[in-house]
Amino acid sequence: MARSGVQYEDVKQAIDALMAKGEAPSVQKIRDVLGTGSFTTISDHLREWRARREERVETTPTQGMPEPIQQLAEGLWEKAQDAAGNALAEYREAADREVTAARDAVQDARRQAEDAEQREAALSAHLASIEQRLEARSAALATAEVERDQALEKARRLGERLARSLQQLERLQAESELQLQTHQQALGEREAQHQARQQQEEQRHEAAEARLMSLLDEARQERLAGEKRYAANLRQLESRQEALKQELQEMRAALAREEKQHRETQWSRTRAEERADTMRHEQTLLQARIDDQKRHLEEQASRLRLLESEISRRLWQGDERHQAKEPVSPGTKKGPATAEPSKESVDRGTIDSSKGENR
């Protein structure tokens, strides 16, 4: 049903205006003349106007549209509608299948990218743990080196202490020799008077010598013990340093393997992203193909509208010829006579319109 916005009389007046200009009426042209109205309402009124005109044409058996032209027009219209509907259905089915396949491929690519990101996160966490362990080992190695330096410093201090003891021993020996010489001189000068004192001095010398020998033995033992401790500590530190170096090499090898696996994971993720970009590009191409098919269908619809306009024009010319042959009643102004086209011209126009539609 037509809406109340545009009435039939308005559409009829617009059609009359177009026909007065020599133009075939169409929905777009009528709407351009009226300046308002929906395409559905105008199309309904135009269809009603054509039906009334056909009724008027049928009341005059001698005039009307030739049956071959009408059959040809109806056949072309039905074939065009069937072809357009079938082509549109096939294009829609193919487009839906390709869009579904593209969406599935994009989802697979997204899942692969998510898996790659999860693997990358796990590898990053493992790599961070290895780096922490490596830092701990490095700190332990630094501590061992500090302990080794401390042991070396302690050995150096023991060596200096031993040197001072040897210097003290030499000084005591020198003093003892000096005292011995003094005592010998004193004994030579006072041999008779200091016989008993010489014996005491000899005893003191022996005690001092015994004391010096004891100090020398203690210093030598302490030096040997220090050298043994230093050698033991040095061997222990060297063994520990060698173990730490071995463990550091193992950690570096494990880190290299982890970095290689990380690069492989990064490469897989890059491939997945490239595949997703390819899928998006294919989806864009598919959408472009769909748009091309839509434009093709619109061109076919435009050709159908042109054919409809051509048929309407020919019907209008037939109506004009019929009105030109009717007798004019008194008081009615006779319009300009229109020459009736020959059957050959009608057939040629039909063939030309068919060729234009086929093109």
Protein backbone atom coordinates (compact mmCIF):
# COMPACT_ATOMS: atom_id res chain seq x y z
CA MET A 1 0.00 0.00 0.00
CA ALA A 2 1.21 3.52 -0.87
CA ARG A 3 1.75 5.94 1.98
CA SER A 4 -0.21 9.20 2.25
CA GLY A 5 2.79 11.42 1.60
CA VAL A 6 2.65 11.47 -2.23
CA GLN A 7 -0.74 10.98 -3.94
CA TYR A 8 -1.48 9.37 -7.26
CA GLU A 9 -2.54 12.67 -8.79
CA ASP A 10 0.84 14.19 -7.91
CA VAL A 11 2.63 11.33 -9.60
CA LYS A 12 0.32 11.57 -12.64
CA GLN A 13 1.00 15.30 -13.01
CA ALA A 14 4.76 14.65 -12.80
CA ILE A 15 4.42 11.94 -15.48
CA ASP A 16 2.47 14.31 -17.71
CA ALA A 17 5.17 16.94 -17.26
CA LEU A 18 7.89 14.46 -18.21
CA MET A 19 5.95 13.23 -21.24
CA ALA A 20 5.38 16.83 -22.32
CA LYS A 21 9.17 17.19 -22.36
CA GLY A 22 9.51 14.02 -24.41
CA GLU A 23 11.05 12.02 -21.56
CA ALA A 24 9.99 8.54 -20.50
CA PRO A 25 8.71 8.45 -16.88
CA SER A 26 10.77 6.61 -14.25
CA VAL A 27 10.82 6.52 -10.45
CA GLN A 28 13.96 8.68 -10.19
CA LYS A 29 12.73 11.27 -12.71
CA ILE A 30 9.30 11.51 -11.04
CA ARG A 31 10.96 12.00 -7.66
CA ASP A 32 13.21 14.69 -9.16
CA VAL A 33 10.10 16.52 -10.45
CA LEU A 34 8.21 16.18 -7.14
CA GLY A 35 11.25 16.86 -4.96
CA THR A 36 10.01 14.44 -2.28
CA GLY A 37 8.45 11.01 -1.77
CA SER A 38 9.82 7.53 -1.21
CA PHE A 39 10.82 5.28 -4.07
CA THR A 40 8.30 2.63 -2.98
CA THR A 41 5.34 5.04 -3.00
CA ILE A 42 6.32 6.54 -6.36
CA SER A 43 6.89 3.05 -7.80
CA ASP A 44 3.40 1.94 -6.64
CA HIS A 45 1.74 5.00 -8.23
CA LEU A 46 3.76 4.56 -11.43
CA ARG A 47 2.69 0.92 -11.59
CA GLU A 48 -0.95 1.98 -11.09
CA TRP A 49 -0.62 4.61 -13.85
CA ARG A 50 0.77 2.01 -16.23
CA ALA A 51 -2.01 -0.43 -15.35
CA ARG A 52 -4.65 2.21 -16.08
CA ARG A 53 -2.94 3.10 -19.31
CA GLU A 54 -2.84 -0.55 -20.35
CA GLU A 55 -6.55 -0.81 -19.58
CA ARG A 56 -7.16 2.14 -21.86
CA VAL A 57 -5.01 0.54 -24.52
CA GLU A 58 -6.87 -2.77 -24.25
CA THR A 59 -10.23 -1.04 -24.79
CA THR A 60 -9.00 -0.15 -28.30
CA PRO A 61 -8.43 -3.46 -30.07
CA THR A 62 -6.81 -1.85 -33.11
CA GLN A 63 -4.02 -0.20 -31.10
CA GLY A 64 -1.58 -1.30 -28.41
CA MET A 65 1.85 -2.68 -27.92
CA PRO A 66 2.75 -5.41 -30.42
CA GLU A 67 2.62 -8.83 -28.85
CA PRO A 68 6.13 -9.84 -30.00
CA ILE A 69 7.58 -6.76 -28.30
CA GLN A 70 5.64 -7.44 -25.11
CA GLN A 71 6.69 -11.12 -25.07
CA LEU A 72 10.27 -10.16 -25.78
CA ALA A 73 10.25 -7.58 -22.98
CA GLU A 74 8.68 -10.00 -20.50
CA GLY A 75 11.15 -12.74 -21.46
CA LEU A 76 14.11 -10.39 -21.12
CA TRP A 77 12.84 -9.15 -17.77
CA GLU A 78 12.35 -12.66 -16.38
CA LYS A 79 15.73 -13.85 -17.69
CA ALA A 80 17.49 -10.81 -16.27
CA GLN A 81 15.83 -11.28 -12.88
CA ASP A 82 16.66 -15.01 -12.81
CA ALA A 83 20.26 -14.41 -13.90
CA ALA A 84 20.73 -11.62 -11.37
CA GLY A 85 19.23 -13.69 -8.55
CA ASN A 86 21.25 -16.81 -9.38
CA ALA A 87 24.48 -14.86 -9.79
CA LEU A 88 23.89 -12.99 -6.54
CA ALA A 89 23.15 -16.24 -4.67
CA GLU A 90 26.27 -17.91 -6.08
CA TYR A 91 28.45 -14.89 -5.28
CA ARG A 92 27.05 -14.72 -1.76
CA GLU A 93 27.65 -18.44 -1.13
CA ALA A 94 31.20 -18.27 -2.48
CA ALA A 95 31.89 -15.11 -0.52
CA ASP A 96 30.52 -16.65 2.69
CA ARG A 97 32.68 -19.73 2.22
CA GLU A 98 35.81 -17.70 1.57
CA VAL A 99 35.09 -15.34 4.50
CA THR A 100 34.55 -18.34 6.81
CA ALA A 101 37.81 -19.92 5.66
CA ALA A 102 39.65 -16.62 6.12
CA ARG A 103 38.23 -16.19 9.63
CA ASP A 104 39.24 -19.75 10.58
CA ALA A 105 42.75 -19.13 9.26
CA VAL A 106 42.98 -15.85 11.22
CA GLN A 107 41.84 -17.61 14.40
CA ASP A 108 44.47 -20.35 13.88
CA ALA A 109 47.13 -17.70 13.37
CA ARG A 110 46.00 -15.89 16.53
CA ARG A 111 46.14 -19.13 18.53
CA GLN A 112 49.64 -19.84 17.24
CA ALA A 113 50.71 -16.30 18.15
CA GLU A 114 49.28 -16.74 21.68
CA ASP A 115 51.12 -20.06 22.08
CA ALA A 116 54.34 -18.41 20.93
CA GLU A 117 53.82 -15.56 23.43
CA GLN A 118 53.26 -18.07 26.26
CA ARG A 119 56.41 -19.97 25.32
CA GLU A 120 58.32 -16.71 25.13
CA ALA A 121 57.10 -15.72 28.62
CA ALA A 122 58.14 -19.12 30.03
CA LEU A 123 61.56 -18.87 28.37
CA SER A 124 61.99 -15.32 29.66
CA ALA A 125 61.20 -16.47 33.22
CA HIS A 126 63.62 -19.41 32.88
CA LEU A 127 66.27 -17.09 31.46
CA ALA A 128 65.79 -14.70 34.38
CA SER A 129 66.22 -17.62 36.82
CA ILE A 130 69.43 -18.68 35.07
CA GLU A 131 70.72 -15.11 35.19
CA GLN A 132 69.98 -14.96 38.94
CA ARG A 133 71.84 -18.24 39.49
CA LEU A 134 74.72 -16.95 37.38
CA GLU A 135 74.87 -13.77 39.45
CA ALA A 136 74.86 -15.87 42.64
CA ARG A 137 77.73 -18.00 41.29
CA SER A 138 79.62 -14.88 40.29
CA ALA A 139 79.12 -13.46 43.79
CA ALA A 140 80.42 -16.74 45.30
CA LEU A 141 83.42 -16.62 42.98
CA ALA A 142 84.09 -13.03 44.01
CA THR A 143 83.84 -14.09 47.69
CA ALA A 144 86.31 -16.92 47.07
CA GLU A 145 88.69 -14.52 45.39
CA VAL A 146 88.38 -12.18 48.39
CA GLU A 147 89.12 -15.10 50.75
CA ARG A 148 92.13 -16.06 48.61
CA ASP A 149 93.40 -12.47 48.76
CA GLN A 150 92.88 -12.47 52.52
CA ALA A 151 94.87 -15.75 52.81
CA LEU A 152 97.63 -14.30 50.68
CA GLU A 153 97.64 -11.19 52.85
CA LYS A 154 97.83 -13.36 55.98
CA ALA A 155 100.71 -15.35 54.49
CA ARG A 156 102.43 -12.09 53.60
CA ARG A 157 102.05 -10.88 57.19
CA LEU A 158 103.44 -14.22 58.45
CA GLY A 159 106.39 -13.81 56.12
CA GLU A 160 107.00 -10.31 57.40
CA ARG A 161 106.73 -11.57 60.98
CA LEU A 162 109.21 -14.35 60.19
CA ALA A 163 111.54 -11.79 58.62
CA ARG A 164 111.31 -9.63 61.72
CA SER A 165 112.00 -12.71 63.89
CA LEU A 166 115.06 -13.54 61.78
CA GLN A 167 116.22 -9.95 62.04
CA GLN A 168 115.71 -10.11 65.82
CA LEU A 169 117.61 -13.40 65.89
CA GLU A 170 120.48 -11.90 63.93
CA ARG A 171 120.47 -8.88 66.19
CA LEU A 172 120.55 -11.15 69.26
CA GLN A 173 123.38 -13.19 67.72
CA ALA A 174 125.29 -10.00 67.00
CA GLU A 175 124.68 -8.83 70.53
CA SER A 176 125.72 -12.23 71.84
CA GLU A 177 128.91 -12.13 69.79
CA LEU A 178 129.53 -8.61 71.01
CA GLN A 179 128.89 -9.67 74.57
CA LEU A 180 131.12 -12.71 74.04
CA GLN A 181 133.89 -10.57 72.79
CA THR A 182 133.37 -8.22 75.71
CA HIS A 183 133.34 -11.10 78.11
CA GLN A 184 136.44 -12.56 76.54
CA GLN A 185 138.24 -9.25 76.84
CA ALA A 186 137.00 -8.92 80.39
CA LEU A 187 138.05 -12.47 81.16
CA GLY A 188 141.45 -11.85 79.59
CA GLU A 189 141.94 -8.74 81.66
CA ARG A 190 140.28 -10.02 84.79
CA GLU A 191 140.80 -13.74 84.49
CA ALA A 192 141.90 -14.18 88.01
CA GLN A 193 139.46 -11.80 89.61
CA HIS A 194 136.38 -12.77 87.66
CA GLN A 195 136.72 -16.56 87.44
CA ALA A 196 133.47 -17.12 89.13
CA ARG A 197 131.80 -14.30 87.18
CA GLN A 198 133.06 -15.75 83.89
CA GLN A 199 131.44 -19.01 84.78
CA GLN A 200 128.19 -17.15 85.44
CA GLU A 201 128.52 -15.30 82.15
CA GLU A 202 129.09 -18.56 80.34
CA GLN A 203 126.01 -19.96 81.94
CA ARG A 204 124.08 -16.85 80.93
CA HIS A 205 125.49 -17.17 77.42
CA GLU A 206 124.40 -20.77 77.22
CA ALA A 207 120.95 -19.84 78.51
CA ALA A 208 120.72 -17.02 75.98
CA GLU A 209 121.93 -19.30 73.23
CA ALA A 210 119.42 -21.96 74.26
CA ARG A 211 116.74 -19.29 74.30
CA LEU A 212 117.84 -18.03 70.89
CA MET A 213 117.81 -21.55 69.50
CA SER A 214 114.38 -22.12 70.97
CA LEU A 215 113.11 -18.89 69.43
CA LEU A 216 114.70 -19.83 66.11
CA ASP A 217 113.06 -23.28 66.18
CA GLU A 218 109.68 -21.75 67.06
CA ALA A 219 110.04 -19.22 64.26
CA ARG A 220 111.01 -21.95 61.79
CA GLN A 221 108.11 -24.19 62.90
CA GLU A 222 105.71 -21.28 62.71
CA ARG A 223 107.01 -20.42 59.24
CA LEU A 224 106.63 -24.05 58.08
CA ALA A 225 103.14 -24.27 59.57
CA GLY A 226 102.21 -20.99 57.89
CA GLU A 227 103.57 -22.20 54.56
CA LYS A 228 101.64 -25.46 54.90
CA ARG A 229 98.41 -23.61 55.77
CA TYR A 230 99.01 -21.20 52.91
CA ALA A 231 99.63 -24.09 50.47
CA ALA A 232 96.53 -25.96 51.73
CA ASN A 233 94.37 -22.83 51.51
CA LEU A 234 95.79 -22.07 48.08
CA ARG A 235 95.05 -25.61 46.83
CA GLN A 236 91.54 -25.42 48.28
CA LEU A 237 90.90 -22.03 46.69
CA GLU A 238 92.28 -23.21 43.34
CA SER A 239 90.08 -26.32 43.47
CA ARG A 240 87.04 -24.24 44.35
CA GLN A 241 87.87 -21.71 41.63
CA GLU A 242 88.20 -24.53 39.06
CA ALA A 243 84.81 -25.96 40.12
CA LEU A 244 83.23 -22.52 39.86
CA LYS A 245 84.75 -22.02 36.41
CA GLN A 246 83.37 -25.38 35.28
CA GLU A 247 79.93 -24.55 36.62
CA LEU A 248 80.13 -21.10 34.98
CA GLN A 249 80.92 -22.73 31.63
CA GLU A 250 77.96 -25.09 32.06
CA MET A 251 75.69 -22.16 32.89
CA ARG A 252 76.93 -20.24 29.84
CA ALA A 253 76.27 -23.29 27.61
CA ALA A 254 72.75 -23.64 29.06
CA LEU A 255 72.20 -19.92 28.55
CA ALA A 256 73.32 -20.23 24.91
CA ARG A 257 70.86 -23.11 24.39
CA GLU A 258 68.06 -21.10 25.95
CA GLU A 259 68.88 -18.09 23.76
CA LYS A 260 68.82 -20.30 20.67
CA GLN A 261 65.43 -21.70 21.65
CA HIS A 262 64.24 -18.16 22.34
CA ARG A 263 65.32 -17.05 18.84
CA GLU A 264 63.51 -20.05 17.32
CA THR A 265 60.37 -19.15 19.25
CA GLN A 266 60.66 -15.52 18.11
CA TRP A 267 61.04 -16.73 14.51
CA SER A 268 57.89 -18.90 14.84
CA ARG A 269 55.98 -15.95 16.22
CA THR A 270 57.15 -13.77 13.30
CA ARG A 271 56.01 -16.42 10.82
CA ALA A 272 52.59 -16.58 12.54
CA GLU A 273 52.22 -12.79 12.36
CA GLU A 274 53.20 -12.82 8.66
CA ARG A 275 50.61 -15.51 8.01
CA ALA A 276 47.96 -13.46 9.82
CA ASP A 277 48.88 -10.42 7.68
CA THR A 278 48.56 -12.59 4.56
CA MET A 279 45.13 -13.77 5.69
CA ARG A 280 44.02 -10.19 6.28
CA HIS A 281 45.29 -9.22 2.82
CA GLU A 282 43.38 -12.12 1.25
CA GLN A 283 40.26 -11.08 3.13
CA THR A 284 40.65 -7.55 1.74
CA LEU A 285 41.00 -8.92 -1.80
CA LEU A 286 37.92 -11.07 -1.24
CA GLN A 287 35.95 -8.03 -0.07
CA ALA A 288 37.10 -6.17 -3.19
CA ARG A 289 35.83 -9.05 -5.35
CA ILE A 290 32.49 -8.95 -3.55
CA ASP A 291 32.27 -5.20 -4.17
CA ASP A 292 33.06 -5.77 -7.86
CA GLN A 293 30.27 -8.35 -8.10
CA LYS A 294 27.89 -5.94 -6.39
CA ARG A 295 28.78 -3.25 -8.92
CA HIS A 296 28.23 -5.75 -11.71
CA LEU A 297 24.78 -6.56 -10.35
CA GLU A 298 24.00 -2.85 -10.05
CA GLU A 299 25.00 -2.39 -13.70
CA GLN A 300 22.66 -5.22 -14.67
CA ALA A 301 19.88 -3.60 -12.67
CA SER A 302 20.64 -0.29 -14.41
CA ARG A 303 20.36 -2.03 -17.80
CA LEU A 304 17.01 -3.47 -16.71
CA ARG A 305 15.80 -0.02 -15.74
CA LEU A 306 16.93 1.32 -19.13
CA LEU A 307 15.02 -1.51 -20.84
CA GLU A 308 11.96 -0.70 -18.74
CA SER A 309 12.28 2.97 -19.71
CA GLU A 310 12.60 2.01 -23.38
CA ILE A 311 9.50 -0.19 -23.19
CA SER A 312 7.58 2.58 -21.39
CA ARG A 313 8.68 5.04 -24.04
CA ARG A 314 7.48 2.76 -26.81
CA LEU A 315 4.18 2.18 -25.02
CA TRP A 316 3.80 5.91 -24.61
CA GLN A 317 4.50 6.44 -28.30
CA GLY A 318 1.87 3.82 -29.11
CA ASP A 319 -0.63 5.61 -26.84
CA GLU A 320 0.18 8.92 -28.51
CA ARG A 321 -0.41 7.39 -31.94
CA HIS A 322 -3.75 6.02 -30.76
CA GLN A 323 -4.83 9.44 -29.43
CA ALA A 324 -3.71 11.08 -32.66
CA LYS A 325 -6.00 8.79 -34.73
CA GLU A 326 -9.09 9.28 -32.53
CA PRO A 327 -11.61 11.91 -33.84
CA VAL A 328 -11.49 15.26 -32.07
CA SER A 329 -14.74 16.29 -30.40
CA PRO A 330 -16.11 19.82 -30.95
CA GLY A 331 -14.61 22.42 -28.63
CA THR A 332 -11.54 20.33 -28.01
CA LYS A 333 -8.20 21.64 -29.17
CA LYS A 334 -6.37 19.15 -31.33
CA GLY A 335 -2.75 18.54 -30.36
CA PRO A 336 0.10 18.06 -32.75
CA ALA A 337 -0.12 14.95 -34.84
CA THR A 338 2.46 12.29 -34.24
CA ALA A 339 3.67 10.20 -37.12
CA GLU A 340 3.12 6.53 -36.57
CA PRO A 341 6.33 4.58 -36.83
CA SER A 342 6.43 1.76 -39.28
CA LYS A 343 6.59 -1.87 -38.25
CA GLU A 344 10.17 -2.00 -39.54
CA SER A 345 11.26 0.88 -37.26
CA VAL A 346 9.56 -0.76 -34.26
CA ASP A 347 11.30 -4.03 -34.94
CA ARG A 348 14.64 -2.22 -35.38
CA GLY A 349 14.19 -0.39 -32.05
CA THR A 350 13.39 -3.67 -30.31
CA ILE A 351 16.47 -5.31 -31.75
CA ASP A 352 18.64 -2.30 -30.76
CA SER A 353 17.31 -2.37 -27.21
CA SER A 354 18.00 -6.11 -27.02
CA LYS A 355 21.56 -5.55 -28.22
CA GLY A 356 22.06 -2.79 -25.67
CA GLU A 357 20.86 -5.10 -22.90
CA ASN A 358 23.15 -7.88 -24.05
CA ARG A 359 26.07 -5.46 -24.04
